[in-house]
Protein backbone atom coordinates (compact mmCIF):
# COMPACT_ATOMS: atom_id res chain seq x y z
CA MET A 1 -6.25 161.52 121.91
CA ALA A 2 -4.50 158.00 123.10
CA LEU A 3 -5.33 155.49 125.51
CA LEU A 4 -2.73 155.80 128.88
CA ASN A 5 -4.32 154.22 132.07
CA PHE A 6 -1.84 156.21 133.62
CA ASP A 7 -1.42 156.58 137.32
CA SER A 8 1.14 159.60 138.22
CA THR A 9 1.32 158.83 141.94
CA ASN A 10 4.25 156.57 141.83
CA VAL A 11 6.18 158.54 138.95
CA LYS A 12 8.47 161.35 140.41
CA PRO A 13 7.57 164.38 137.97
CA LEU A 14 10.04 165.46 135.66
CA GLU A 15 12.14 169.07 137.03
CA ALA A 16 13.64 171.77 134.40
CA ASN A 17 17.40 170.98 134.42
CA GLU A 18 18.61 174.23 136.04
CA PRO A 19 22.37 174.49 136.27
CA ILE A 20 23.67 173.35 139.44
CA PRO A 21 25.93 175.35 141.57
CA ALA A 22 29.55 175.20 141.09
CA GLY A 23 32.01 172.92 143.43
CA TRP A 24 33.32 169.36 143.83
CA TYR A 25 30.70 166.89 143.33
CA THR A 26 31.21 163.01 143.70
CA VAL A 27 29.47 161.17 140.75
CA HIS A 28 30.40 158.25 138.47
CA MET A 29 30.16 157.84 134.56
CA THR A 30 27.10 155.92 133.49
CA ALA A 31 27.63 156.23 129.59
CA SER A 32 30.70 156.87 127.36
CA GLU A 33 30.73 156.89 123.07
CA MET A 34 33.02 157.58 120.48
CA LYS A 35 31.07 159.77 118.06
CA PRO A 36 32.13 161.78 115.05
CA THR A 37 32.55 165.82 114.89
CA GLU A 38 30.32 167.94 112.78
CA ALA A 39 33.03 168.59 110.21
CA GLY A 40 33.42 164.45 109.71
CA ASP A 41 37.66 165.54 110.51
CA GLY A 42 37.82 164.37 113.75
CA ALA A 43 35.81 162.55 116.67
CA TYR A 44 35.19 162.97 120.89
CA LEU A 45 34.27 160.69 123.67
CA ALA A 46 30.88 161.70 124.67
CA CYS A 47 30.74 161.36 128.41
CA GLU A 48 28.00 161.16 131.25
CA PHE A 49 28.29 161.40 134.82
CA ALA A 50 25.50 161.27 137.41
CA VAL A 51 26.21 162.55 140.76
CA LEU A 52 25.68 160.35 143.71
CA GLU A 53 25.14 162.19 146.69
CA GLY A 54 23.26 165.46 148.28
CA GLN A 55 20.77 168.16 147.15
CA PHE A 56 21.72 167.53 143.43
CA ALA A 57 21.78 163.40 143.71
CA ALA A 58 20.92 161.65 139.96
CA ARG A 59 21.66 165.05 138.02
CA LYS A 60 23.38 164.23 134.70
CA LEU A 61 26.81 165.93 134.04
CA PHE A 62 28.29 165.97 129.95
CA THR A 63 31.49 166.50 128.88
CA ASN A 64 33.50 166.13 125.64
CA LEU A 65 37.10 164.63 125.07
CA ASN A 66 38.64 165.70 121.54
CA LEU A 67 40.67 162.61 121.16
CA GLN A 68 41.07 162.80 117.47
CA ASN A 69 40.90 166.60 116.67
CA LYS A 70 42.85 168.28 114.05
CA ASN A 71 44.21 170.83 116.64
CA PRO A 72 46.96 169.22 118.70
CA VAL A 73 46.06 171.46 121.64
CA ALA A 74 42.87 170.25 121.61
CA GLN A 75 43.86 166.94 121.05
CA GLU A 76 46.75 166.91 124.14
CA ILE A 77 43.90 168.23 126.39
CA ALA A 78 41.22 165.93 126.03
CA TYR A 79 44.51 163.01 126.27
CA ARG A 80 45.48 164.95 129.68
CA ALA A 81 41.65 165.24 131.12
CA LEU A 82 41.22 161.54 130.29
CA SER A 83 44.47 160.40 131.96
CA ALA A 84 42.73 162.84 134.79
CA ILE A 85 39.62 160.33 134.97
CA CYS A 86 42.02 156.75 135.09
CA HIS A 87 43.71 158.02 137.66
CA ALA A 88 40.93 159.17 139.67
CA VAL A 89 39.33 156.19 139.72
CA GLY A 90 41.90 154.01 139.47
CA VAL A 91 42.00 152.52 136.09
CA ILE A 92 44.92 153.11 134.17
CA GLN A 93 45.26 150.52 131.41
CA VAL A 94 42.02 150.87 129.20
CA ALA A 95 41.54 149.19 126.61
CA ASP A 96 37.42 150.52 126.37
CA SER A 97 35.72 153.51 127.81
CA ALA A 98 33.36 150.90 129.72
CA GLN A 99 35.96 149.96 131.73
CA LEU A 100 35.60 153.61 133.38
CA HIS A 101 32.32 153.57 134.29
CA ASN A 102 30.79 153.24 137.74
CA HIS A 103 33.80 154.09 139.36
CA PRO A 104 33.36 156.84 142.70
CA LEU A 105 35.04 160.03 141.91
CA GLN A 106 34.67 164.29 142.30
CA ILE A 107 34.65 166.09 139.21
CA LYS A 108 34.91 169.96 139.86
CA VAL A 109 31.94 171.83 138.11
CA SER A 110 31.54 175.17 136.67
CA LEU A 111 28.68 177.75 135.81
CA ARG A 112 28.87 179.16 132.10
CA PRO A 113 26.22 182.02 131.79
CA ALA A 114 23.75 182.30 129.39
CA SER A 115 25.19 183.95 126.26
CA LEU A 116 24.29 185.26 122.90
CA SER A 117 26.45 184.04 119.83
CA GLY A 118 27.70 186.20 116.90
CA ASP A 119 25.13 184.50 114.56
CA GLY A 120 22.10 185.07 116.92
CA LYS A 121 21.44 181.87 118.83
CA ASN A 122 20.74 181.84 122.59
CA TYR A 123 22.53 179.42 124.63
CA GLU A 124 21.22 179.14 127.76
CA ALA A 125 23.54 178.74 131.13
CA SER A 126 25.14 175.30 131.88
CA ASN A 127 27.63 173.58 133.76
CA GLU A 128 31.39 172.51 132.04
CA VAL A 129 33.29 170.26 134.06
CA LYS A 130 36.67 171.33 134.76
CA GLY A 131 38.59 168.70 136.76
CA TYR A 132 38.81 165.32 138.15
CA ARG A 133 40.16 163.62 141.65
CA SER A 134 40.16 160.51 143.57
CA ILE A 135 37.75 160.27 146.58
CA GLN A 136 40.40 159.83 148.50
CA ALA A 137 42.42 163.24 147.56
CA GLY A 138 38.80 165.07 147.96
CA ALA A 139 38.69 163.43 151.34
CA ALA A 140 42.27 165.03 152.13
CA ALA A 141 40.92 168.44 151.71
CA PRO A 142 41.14 170.97 154.65
CA ALA A 143 37.83 170.89 156.87
CA THR A 144 35.37 174.06 156.87
CA ALA A 145 35.51 176.39 159.81
CA ILE A 146 32.52 174.92 162.25
CA PRO A 147 29.62 177.21 161.48
CA GLN A 148 28.75 179.49 164.38
CA GLY A 149 25.31 178.70 166.28
CA LEU A 150 26.58 175.26 166.81
CA PRO A 151 26.64 173.96 170.52
CA PRO A 152 30.33 173.91 171.77
CA VAL A 153 32.78 171.35 171.59
CA THR A 154 33.16 169.66 174.92
CA GLN A 155 36.97 170.06 176.29
CA GLN A 156 38.36 167.38 177.91
CA ALA A 157 39.70 167.87 181.61
CA PRO A 158 43.31 168.55 181.77
CA ALA A 159 45.04 165.68 182.96
CA ALA A 160 46.35 165.73 186.59
CA PRO A 161 50.17 167.10 187.47
CA ALA A 162 52.56 164.49 188.08
CA ALA A 163 53.92 163.98 191.17
CA TRP A 164 56.68 166.53 192.32
CA THR A 165 60.01 164.61 193.18
CA PRO A 166 62.34 167.03 194.72
CA PRO A 167 65.73 167.26 192.46
CA ALA A 168 68.99 166.12 193.95
CA PRO A 169 71.20 168.34 195.80
CA SER A 170 73.78 170.25 193.87
CA PHE A 171 76.06 170.58 196.45
CA VAL A 172 79.04 167.78 196.72
CA PRO A 173 80.92 167.54 200.03
CA PRO A 174 84.37 167.98 199.72
CA ALA A 175 86.97 164.55 200.23
CA THR A 176 88.67 163.93 203.05
CA PRO A 177 92.15 165.65 202.65
CA ALA A 178 94.83 163.30 202.48
CA ALA A 179 97.45 162.81 205.13
CA PRO A 180 100.30 165.32 204.69
CA ALA A 181 103.58 164.25 202.62
CA ALA A 182 106.89 163.58 204.88
CA PRO A 183 109.31 166.23 204.26
CA ALA A 184 112.21 165.49 202.27
CA TRP A 185 115.12 165.48 204.98
CA ALA A 186 113.04 162.80 206.85
CA ALA A 187 113.67 160.38 204.07
CA ALA A 188 117.02 161.30 204.10
CA PRO A 189 119.45 158.42 204.58
CA ALA A 190 121.77 159.14 207.90
CA PRO A 191 125.36 160.13 207.45
CA VAL A 192 128.15 157.82 207.38
CA VAL A 193 131.25 158.42 209.92
CA ALA A 194 134.02 156.99 209.12
CA ALA A 195 136.32 155.29 211.49
CA PRO A 196 139.46 157.25 212.73
CA ALA A 197 142.79 155.66 211.08
CA ALA A 198 145.28 153.98 213.59
CA PRO A 199 148.28 156.24 213.94
CA ALA A 200 151.46 155.49 211.70
CA VAL A 201 154.34 153.19 213.70
CA PRO A 202 158.06 154.62 212.75
CA ALA A 203 159.80 151.45 211.62
CA ALA A 204 162.57 152.47 214.16
CA ALA A 205 160.00 151.29 217.04
CA ILE A 206 159.37 147.90 215.83
CA PRO A 207 161.44 145.45 217.55
CA VAL A 208 163.55 143.12 215.49
CA ALA A 209 163.35 139.12 217.02
CA ALA A 210 166.57 138.04 217.94
CA SER A 211 168.27 135.75 216.21
CA THR A 212 168.52 132.14 217.58
CA PRO A 213 171.61 131.70 219.64
CA PRO A 214 173.44 129.09 218.48
CA TRP A 215 173.76 127.21 222.08
CA ALA A 216 170.46 127.03 221.72
CA THR A 217 170.38 124.45 218.76
CA PRO A 218 170.57 121.10 219.45
CA PRO A 219 173.83 118.84 218.61
CA THR A 220 173.40 116.71 215.68
CA ALA A 221 173.73 113.03 216.26
């Protein structure tokens, strides 16, 4: 027997953590720790996420990143997942995993059904983290169709048509015809008419001046 003096009025009852449906969830990393593998030949980064909104707000999701593993493929996958987390939260250079805490991001969650292992162990259904992306990348995803039954969206009235302006006439009247050019003959120079030459006079017909008679010469003093 133990004396408790406990009042459960102000404490939310604990619910069984059934797996949440598969899909994208907005979360932030709340804890991280490097732990050794069971075989002791490697180590993994144990990451804890908490859902930030929606029906499953405050639910915890877990994943392990095999950063030190003898299997090079498993190790490469782990470092690529770590790089996706860094890019999703905008912290590219990381010295300590605590730098990744409390930064919102989105993770893709899958649902692994219950199974029976080869050694007879029963494994309950659980969630697995399959991908990471930034909040901005999630907001850019295509919008879903509007569900049926919602009120129709009010449509805006069509805009008034623009005022009609008659088009300019396509007919252009012909230009005033130019005066006809003068005929070539009108501009030709007047013919030059040569004057008739004087008729030739025979030499015999020309009178020869008579010589001065001696008596006409005055006497010399």
